[in-house]
C-alpha atoms as a PDB file:
ATOM      1  CA  MET A   1      13.673 -23.738  -6.428  1.00  0.00           C
ATOM      2  CA  LYS A   2      14.723 -20.473  -7.275  1.00  0.00           C
ATOM      3  CA  LYS A   3      14.534 -18.117  -4.001  1.00  0.00           C
ATOM      4  CA  ILE A   4      14.176 -14.251  -3.609  1.00  0.00           C
ATOM      5  CA  VAL A   5      14.472 -12.648  -0.441  1.00  0.00           C
ATOM      6  CA  GLY A   6      12.360  -9.582   0.515  1.00  0.00           C
ATOM      7  CA  LYS A   7      11.139  -7.741   3.639  1.00  0.00           C
ATOM      8  CA  LEU A   8       7.741  -7.324   5.248  1.00  0.00           C
ATOM      9  CA  VAL A   9       6.798  -3.593   5.144  1.00  0.00           C
ATOM     10  CA  ALA A  10       3.738  -3.664   6.132  1.00  0.00           C
ATOM     11  CA  VAL A  11       1.391  -5.738   8.105  1.00  0.00           C
ATOM     12  CA  ASN A  12      -2.518  -5.161   8.328  1.00  0.00           C
ATOM     13  CA  LEU A  13      -5.367  -6.874   9.979  1.00  0.00           C
ATOM     14  CA  GLY A  14      -9.603  -7.267   8.783  1.00  0.00           C
ATOM     15  CA  LYS A  15     -12.043  -7.552  11.523  1.00  0.00           C
ATOM     16  CA  GLU A  16     -15.486  -9.001  10.971  1.00  0.00           C
ATOM     17  CA  THR A  17     -16.998  -5.418  11.514  1.00  0.00           C
ATOM     18  CA  ASP A  18     -14.517  -3.401   8.877  1.00  0.00           C
ATOM     19  CA  GLY A  19     -16.087  -4.701   6.098  1.00  0.00           C
ATOM     20  CA  LEU A  20     -13.867  -4.382   3.273  1.00  0.00           C
ATOM     21  CA  ALA A  21     -11.060  -2.572   5.480  1.00  0.00           C
ATOM     22  CA  LYS A  22      -8.013  -3.770   6.816  1.00  0.00           C
ATOM     23  CA  SER A  23      -5.746  -1.845   9.518  1.00  0.00           C
ATOM     24  CA  PRO A  24      -2.296  -2.104  10.278  1.00  0.00           C
ATOM     25  CA  THR A  25      -0.783  -3.480  13.165  1.00  0.00           C
ATOM     26  CA  ASN A  26       2.476  -4.174  13.852  1.00  0.00           C
ATOM     27  CA  TYR A  27       1.841  -8.056  13.829  1.00  0.00           C
ATOM     28  CA  LEU A  28       0.242 -10.873  12.972  1.00  0.00           C
ATOM     29  CA  HIS A  29      -0.177 -14.566  14.199  1.00  0.00           C
ATOM     30  CA  ALA A  30      -0.575 -17.312  11.688  1.00  0.00           C
ATOM     31  CA  GLU A  31      -2.083 -20.020  12.745  1.00  0.00           C
ATOM     32  CA  LEU A  32      -2.829 -23.264  10.485  1.00  0.00           C
ATOM     33  CA  ASP A  33      -6.417 -21.836   9.919  1.00  0.00           C
ATOM     34  CA  GLY A  34      -5.190 -18.418   9.052  1.00  0.00           C
ATOM     35  CA  PHE A  35      -4.724 -15.242  10.773  1.00  0.00           C
ATOM     36  CA  VAL A  36      -6.032 -14.737  14.360  1.00  0.00           C
ATOM     37  CA  GLY A  37      -8.354 -11.800  14.576  1.00  0.00           C
ATOM     38  CA  ASP A  38      -8.576 -11.522  10.512  1.00  0.00           C
ATOM     39  CA  ARG A  39     -12.294 -11.892   9.252  1.00  0.00           C
ATOM     40  CA  HIS A  40     -10.920 -14.588   6.442  1.00  0.00           C
ATOM     41  CA  ARG A  41      -9.039 -16.764   9.227  1.00  0.00           C
ATOM     42  CA  SER A  42     -10.949 -20.648   8.723  1.00  0.00           C
ATOM     43  CA  ILE A  43     -10.508 -23.525   7.044  1.00  0.00           C
ATOM     44  CA  GLN A  44     -13.651 -23.199   4.546  1.00  0.00           C
ATOM     45  CA  ARG A  45     -15.758 -20.184   3.148  1.00  0.00           C
ATOM     46  CA  GLN A  46     -18.584 -19.522   1.231  1.00  0.00           C
ATOM     47  CA  CYS A  47     -18.404 -19.044  -2.558  1.00  0.00           C
ATOM     48  CA  TRP A  48     -19.642 -16.544  -4.553  1.00  0.00           C
ATOM     49  CA  GLN A  49     -20.288 -15.287  -8.405  1.00  0.00           C
ATOM     50  CA  GLY A  50     -17.603 -16.105 -10.535  1.00  0.00           C
ATOM     51  CA  ASP A  51     -16.332 -19.288  -8.121  1.00  0.00           C
ATOM     52  CA  LYS A  52     -15.284 -22.166  -9.830  1.00  0.00           C
ATOM     53  CA  GLN A  53     -17.879 -24.080  -7.925  1.00  0.00           C
ATOM     54  CA  ALA A  54     -21.533 -22.814  -7.479  1.00  0.00           C
ATOM     55  CA  LYS A  55     -22.458 -19.865  -5.477  1.00  0.00           C
ATOM     56  CA  GLY A  56     -23.251 -20.409  -1.577  1.00  0.00           C
ATOM     57  CA  SER A  57     -21.517 -23.823  -1.794  1.00  0.00           C
ATOM     58  CA  ILE A  58     -19.084 -24.075   1.002  1.00  0.00           C
ATOM     59  CA  ARG A  59     -15.476 -24.807  -0.162  1.00  0.00           C
ATOM     60  CA  ARG A  60     -11.771 -25.171   1.125  1.00  0.00           C
ATOM     61  CA  ASN A  61     -10.571 -21.541   2.426  1.00  0.00           C
ATOM     62  CA  GLU A  62      -8.125 -20.975  -0.039  1.00  0.00           C
ATOM     63  CA  ARG A  63      -7.750 -17.289   1.028  1.00  0.00           C
ATOM     64  CA  GLN A  64      -6.709 -17.393   4.101  1.00  0.00           C
ATOM     65  CA  TRP A  65      -4.060 -14.481   3.719  1.00  0.00           C
ATOM     66  CA  SER A  66      -3.770 -11.624   1.086  1.00  0.00           C
ATOM     67  CA  ALA A  67      -0.304  -9.684   0.003  1.00  0.00           C
ATOM     68  CA  THR A  68       0.897  -7.067  -2.620  1.00  0.00           C
ATOM     69  CA  SER A  69       4.080  -5.601  -2.727  1.00  0.00           C
ATOM     70  CA  ILE A  70       5.315  -2.126  -2.766  1.00  0.00           C
ATOM     71  CA  GLU A  71       6.429  -2.217  -6.162  1.00  0.00           C
ATOM     72  CA  GLU A  72       3.309  -3.360  -7.798  1.00  0.00           C
ATOM     73  CA  LEU A  73       1.195  -0.708  -5.681  1.00  0.00           C
ATOM     74  CA  ALA A  74       3.643   1.952  -7.042  1.00  0.00           C
ATOM     75  CA  GLU A  75       2.928   0.901 -10.867  1.00  0.00           C
ATOM     76  CA  ILE A  76      -1.086   0.701  -9.369  1.00  0.00           C
ATOM     77  CA  THR A  77      -0.435   4.208  -8.352  1.00  0.00           C
ATOM     78  CA  GLU A  78       1.036   5.682 -11.605  1.00  0.00           C
ATOM     79  CA  LYS A  79      -1.232   3.598 -13.847  1.00  0.00           C
ATOM     80  CA  MET A  80      -4.252   5.149 -12.089  1.00  0.00           C
ATOM     81  CA  ASP A  81      -2.434   8.722 -11.264  1.00  0.00           C
ATOM     82  CA  LEU A  82      -3.266   8.645  -7.964  1.00  0.00           C
ATOM     83  CA  SER A  83      -2.110  11.986  -6.622  1.00  0.00           C
ATOM     84  CA  GLN A  84      -1.331   9.883  -2.759  1.00  0.00           C
ATOM     85  CA  PRO A  85       0.360   6.201  -3.252  1.00  0.00           C
ATOM     86  CA  LEU A  86      -2.221   3.304  -3.004  1.00  0.00           C
ATOM     87  CA  THR A  87      -0.640   1.541   0.768  1.00  0.00           C
ATOM     88  CA  ALA A  88      -1.387  -2.150   0.908  1.00  0.00           C
ATOM     89  CA  ASP A  89      -4.183  -1.300   4.195  1.00  0.00           C
ATOM     90  CA  LYS A  90      -6.276   0.830   1.134  1.00  0.00           C
ATOM     91  CA  VAL A  91      -6.681  -1.764  -1.023  1.00  0.00           C
ATOM     92  CA  SER A  92      -6.943  -4.638   1.978  1.00  0.00           C
ATOM     93  CA  VAL A  93      -4.239  -6.778   1.919  1.00  0.00           C
ATOM     94  CA  ASN A  94      -2.786  -8.770   5.104  1.00  0.00           C
ATOM     95  CA  LEU A  95       0.674  -8.298   3.632  1.00  0.00           C
ATOM     96  CA  CYS A  96       3.176  -5.914   1.854  1.00  0.00           C
ATOM     97  CA  PHE A  97       6.500  -7.010   0.713  1.00  0.00           C
ATOM     98  CA  GLU A  98       9.574  -5.456  -1.024  1.00  0.00           C
ATOM     99  CA  GLY A  99      12.174  -6.499  -2.871  1.00  0.00           C
ATOM    100  CA  ILE A 100       9.493  -8.931  -4.571  1.00  0.00           C
ATOM    101  CA  PRO A 101       8.135  -6.908  -7.267  1.00  0.00           C
ATOM    102  CA  LYS A 102       6.358  -9.208  -9.493  1.00  0.00           C
ATOM    103  CA  LEU A 103       4.890 -10.994  -6.646  1.00  0.00           C
ATOM    104  CA  SER A 104       1.739 -11.404  -8.446  1.00  0.00           C
ATOM    105  CA  LEU A 105       3.580 -13.819 -10.570  1.00  0.00           C
ATOM    106  CA  LEU A 106       4.518 -16.296  -8.493  1.00  0.00           C
ATOM    107  CA  PRO A 107       3.038 -19.755  -8.959  1.00  0.00           C
ATOM    108  CA  LYS A 108       0.849 -21.831  -7.037  1.00  0.00           C
ATOM    109  CA  GLY A 109       2.647 -23.931  -4.534  1.00  0.00           C
ATOM    110  CA  SER A 110       5.652 -20.812  -3.876  1.00  0.00           C
ATOM    111  CA  ILE A 111       6.540 -20.580  -0.416  1.00  0.00           C
ATOM    112  CA  LEU A 112       6.784 -17.489   1.653  1.00  0.00           C
ATOM    113  CA  LYS A 113       9.252 -18.426   5.099  1.00  0.00           C
ATOM    114  CA  PHE A 114       9.788 -15.941   7.632  1.00  0.00           C
ATOM    115  CA  SER A 115      12.626 -16.078  10.620  1.00  0.00           C
ATOM    116  CA  SER A 116       9.706 -17.527  13.180  1.00  0.00           C
ATOM    117  CA  GLY A 117       9.476 -20.589  10.744  1.00  0.00           C
ATOM    118  CA  ALA A 118       6.093 -19.190   9.969  1.00  0.00           C
ATOM    119  CA  GLU A 119       5.261 -20.523   6.213  1.00  0.00           C
ATOM    120  CA  LEU A 120       2.637 -19.235   3.433  1.00  0.00           C
ATOM    121  CA  MET A 121       1.825 -20.884   0.577  1.00  0.00           C
ATOM    122  CA  VAL A 122       0.685 -19.359  -2.882  1.00  0.00           C
ATOM    123  CA  GLU A 123      -2.351 -20.526  -4.096  1.00  0.00           C
ATOM    124  CA  GLU A 124      -3.702 -18.211  -6.482  1.00  0.00           C
ATOM    125  CA  TYR A 125      -3.697 -14.861  -7.762  1.00  0.00           C
ATOM    126  CA  ASN A 126      -5.932 -12.414  -6.731  1.00  0.00           C
ATOM    127  CA  PRO A 127      -7.514 -10.510  -9.504  1.00  0.00           C
ATOM    128  CA  PRO A 128      -8.730  -6.919  -8.623  1.00  0.00           C
ATOM    129  CA  CYS A 129     -12.573  -6.562  -7.921  1.00  0.00           C
ATOM    130  CA  VAL A 130     -15.181  -3.552  -8.782  1.00  0.00           C
ATOM    131  CA  GLU A 131     -16.233  -3.440  -5.227  1.00  0.00           C
ATOM    132  CA  MET A 132     -12.686  -2.567  -4.472  1.00  0.00           C
ATOM    133  CA  GLY A 133     -12.601   0.061  -7.297  1.00  0.00           C
ATOM    134  CA  GLU A 134     -15.533   1.690  -6.066  1.00  0.00           C
ATOM    135  CA  LYS A 135     -14.086   2.227  -2.408  1.00  0.00           C
ATOM    136  CA  LEU A 136     -10.825   3.702  -3.727  1.00  0.00           C
ATOM    137  CA  ALA A 137     -12.647   5.933  -5.965  1.00  0.00           C
ATOM    138  CA  GLU A 138     -14.710   7.232  -3.126  1.00  0.00           C
ATOM    139  CA  ILE A 139     -11.446   8.233  -1.169  1.00  0.00           C
ATOM    140  CA  PHE A 140      -8.890   8.580  -3.687  1.00  0.00           C
ATOM    141  CA  SER A 141      -7.950  11.676  -6.414  1.00  0.00           C
ATOM    142  CA  THR A 142      -5.944  12.086  -9.473  1.00  0.00           C
ATOM    143  CA  ASN A 143      -3.131  14.015 -10.647  1.00  0.00           C
ATOM    144  CA  SER A 144      -5.080  15.430 -13.325  1.00  0.00           C
ATOM    145  CA  GLY A 145      -7.967  15.982 -11.383  1.00  0.00           C
ATOM    146  CA  LYS A 146      -9.898  13.708 -13.569  1.00  0.00           C
ATOM    147  CA  ASP A 147     -12.671  11.675 -11.295  1.00  0.00           C
ATOM    148  CA  LEU A 148     -11.892   8.500 -10.876  1.00  0.00           C
ATOM    149  CA  VAL A 149     -14.501   5.340 -11.700  1.00  0.00           C
ATOM    150  CA  ALA A 150     -14.927   1.336 -10.318  1.00  0.00           C
ATOM    151  CA  THR A 151     -13.245   0.259 -13.413  1.00  0.00           C
ATOM    152  CA  ASP A 152      -9.950   2.329 -13.368  1.00  0.00           C
ATOM    153  CA  PHE A 153      -8.449   0.298 -10.617  1.00  0.00           C
ATOM    154  CA  THR A 154     -10.116  -3.059 -12.063  1.00  0.00           C
ATOM    155  CA  LYS A 155      -7.571  -1.945 -15.458  1.00  0.00           C
ATOM    156  CA  ALA A 156      -4.967  -1.030 -14.017  1.00  0.00           C
ATOM    157  CA  ALA A 157      -3.975  -3.745 -11.211  1.00  0.00           C
ATOM    158  CA  ALA A 158      -4.519  -6.485 -13.735  1.00  0.00           C
ATOM    159  CA  PHE A 159      -1.789  -9.284 -12.923  1.00  0.00           C
ATOM    160  CA  SER A 160      -0.010  -6.575 -10.639  1.00  0.00           C
ATOM    161  CA  ARG A 161      -3.396  -7.165  -7.696  1.00  0.00           C
ATOM    162  CA  GLY A 162      -1.223  -9.531  -5.058  1.00  0.00           C
ATOM    163  CA  LEU A 163      -1.814 -12.969  -4.245  1.00  0.00           C
ATOM    164  CA  VAL A 164      -3.849 -15.206  -1.964  1.00  0.00           C
ATOM    165  CA  GLY A 165      -2.943 -18.054  -0.172  1.00  0.00           C
ATOM    166  CA  VAL A 166      -2.867 -20.585   2.870  1.00  0.00           C
ATOM    167  CA  VAL A 167      -1.004 -21.090   6.073  1.00  0.00           C
ATOM    168  CA  GLU A 168       1.800 -23.791   5.686  1.00  0.00           C
ATOM    169  CA  VAL A 169       3.334 -23.539   9.191  1.00  0.00           C
ATOM    170  CA  ALA A 170       2.371 -21.235  11.865  1.00  0.00           C
ATOM    171  CA  GLY A 171       3.884 -18.893  13.629  1.00  0.00           C
ATOM    172  CA  LYS A 172       4.519 -14.647  14.216  1.00  0.00           C
ATOM    173  CA  LEU A 173       5.346 -12.276  10.948  1.00  0.00           C
ATOM    174  CA  SER A 174       6.476  -8.571  11.973  1.00  0.00           C
ATOM    175  CA  VAL A 175       6.822  -5.615  10.177  1.00  0.00           C
ATOM    176  CA  GLY A 176      10.401  -5.785   9.381  1.00  0.00           C
ATOM    177  CA  ASP A 177      11.062  -9.671   8.870  1.00  0.00           C
ATOM    178  CA  GLN A 178      13.100 -10.970   6.482  1.00  0.00           C
ATOM    179  CA  VAL A 179      10.817 -13.692   3.876  1.00  0.00           C
ATOM    180  CA  SER A 180      12.629 -16.135   2.115  1.00  0.00           C
ATOM    181  CA  VAL A 181      10.178 -16.985  -1.306  1.00  0.00           C
ATOM    182  CA  SER A 182      10.874 -20.798  -2.597  1.00  0.00           C
ATOM    183  CA  VAL A 183       9.766 -20.520  -6.223  1.00  0.00           C
ATOM    184  CA  TYR A 184       7.521 -23.462  -7.083  1.00  0.00           C
ATOM    185  CA  GLN A 185       8.864 -25.521 -10.005  1.00  0.00           C
ATOM    186  CA  PRO A 186       7.610 -29.003 -10.929  1.00  0.00           C
ATOM    187  CA  PRO A 187       9.409 -31.886  -9.923  1.00  0.00           C
ATOM    188  CA  LEU A 188      12.422 -33.052 -12.521  1.00  0.00           C
ATOM    189  CA  TRP A 189      10.247 -36.312 -12.783  1.00  0.00           C
ATOM    190  CA  ILE A 190       7.442 -34.130 -14.039  1.00  0.00           C
ATOM    191  CA  ALA A 191       9.174 -32.449 -16.838  1.00  0.00           C
ATOM    192  CA  LYS A 192      10.701 -35.769 -17.671  1.00  0.00           C
ATOM    193  CA  MET A 193       7.305 -37.363 -18.256  1.00  0.00           C
ATOM    194  CA  GLN A 194       6.002 -34.622 -19.773  1.00  0.00           C
ATOM    195  CA  SER A 195       8.787 -34.446 -22.351  1.00  0.00           C
ATOM    196  CA  GLU A 196       8.632 -37.903 -22.945  1.00  0.00           C
ATOM    197  CA  SER A 197       5.005 -38.583 -23.867  1.00  0.00           C
END
């Protein structure tokens, strides 16, 4: 597996009463069902419109954590022409990394390892939603003075919004921690079988 090393530069926690918001903190405790105190902590969740299953169905929670990178936030800030930089708490993600510029492109099965022994597994890309776009349009302004609309975020953040995933090994994640990323690659026997078929 190809390895990448980055740094955890921000951690955020979203309580049940916070709506879309997540607030900065110094560390998070990862348990096998998610981050302690975060509203997304659970082994299951209810499906919404656009999910693979019917709306309202109960399914495995593949969204126990969310993450983005400083580099991707800077790209989105530039594309939206924002007068202030976008931060991880403003886009409601738990974790923000530096040194992993194409974080959103990490494939399912990639592992993020921390010094505490905690491990997070990538489940999927986290597509930008209109609700987040509406929130950002209310609180940000542009350098040009042009008013923002909800779709500005969904367009600017396409394929750079970040990731969601599950906790693979429990542990503590703190601001400043180094993270080692093992990019998932199919086992050699699968590649061999595919080439033979």
